[in-house]
């Protein structure tokens, strides 16, 4: 199977680093016209410069900001075909007892992982429905399918919410030719937060985690990018409302 995106316009969120950056690079290599969004202005501008793309720095959990990204892309390209929602993360938090979690910490994780995805799709959906074709791919997590290794209650809850949103949007948008799917990565050492988490386990726990994977190795951003590109392709046109675990065969 040979997958190309030469005529496609793609927005990738969370593109400053890690999984989002890997997805952006893969679409770029496959010929897409990529537009990159992230709250990390320096990082997303750096990635955009390296890939010859346009950067859209800003907080996508703000509805107006998310809408402007979509409006600017459509104004520049006269179309929008694919949206990959990789923005999210733990917002610098660590696992701790529920009694110690503040309202601000709880809402920050939901804003990063759920709100931004919802507002961006809300703005992108009309153009995709009018075109009769579109692909939306959320990047959820194994933490959206089972308890999170991070121990962060808000992160697991937010990723479960993103999984639910993916399924709900599929039912609404797929009749218009717009598929909605999710990639649920396992543990990927792709940014400072995941590296910090991994190092906190120590050698013994790290070995135990690897032993729970059929592949006996951790994944990479490229592993997640390959799944996102497939779900965004013409060939995946009859796949929607699905959550694809890309976790090395965790058991």
Foldseek 3Di string as FASTA:
>chain_A
DQFAAQPAEEEFEPCLWFLSVLLQQVNLVRRYQYEYEYCPVVSQVVSCVVSVHHYQHDQLLPLVSLLVSLVVSCVVNVAHAEYEYEWADQVPDAADDPVPDDPVSLVVRLSRQPSSLVSNCVNRQVRCLVVLAHEYEYEAAVLLVDPDPRNDPSNSVNSVVVLVVQLVVQVVRVVSHYAGEYEHEYQEPMDPVSVVSLVVCDDVSNQVQLVQAPQSDFDGSNLRSVVRSVSSGPVVSVDHSYYHYDYRHGD
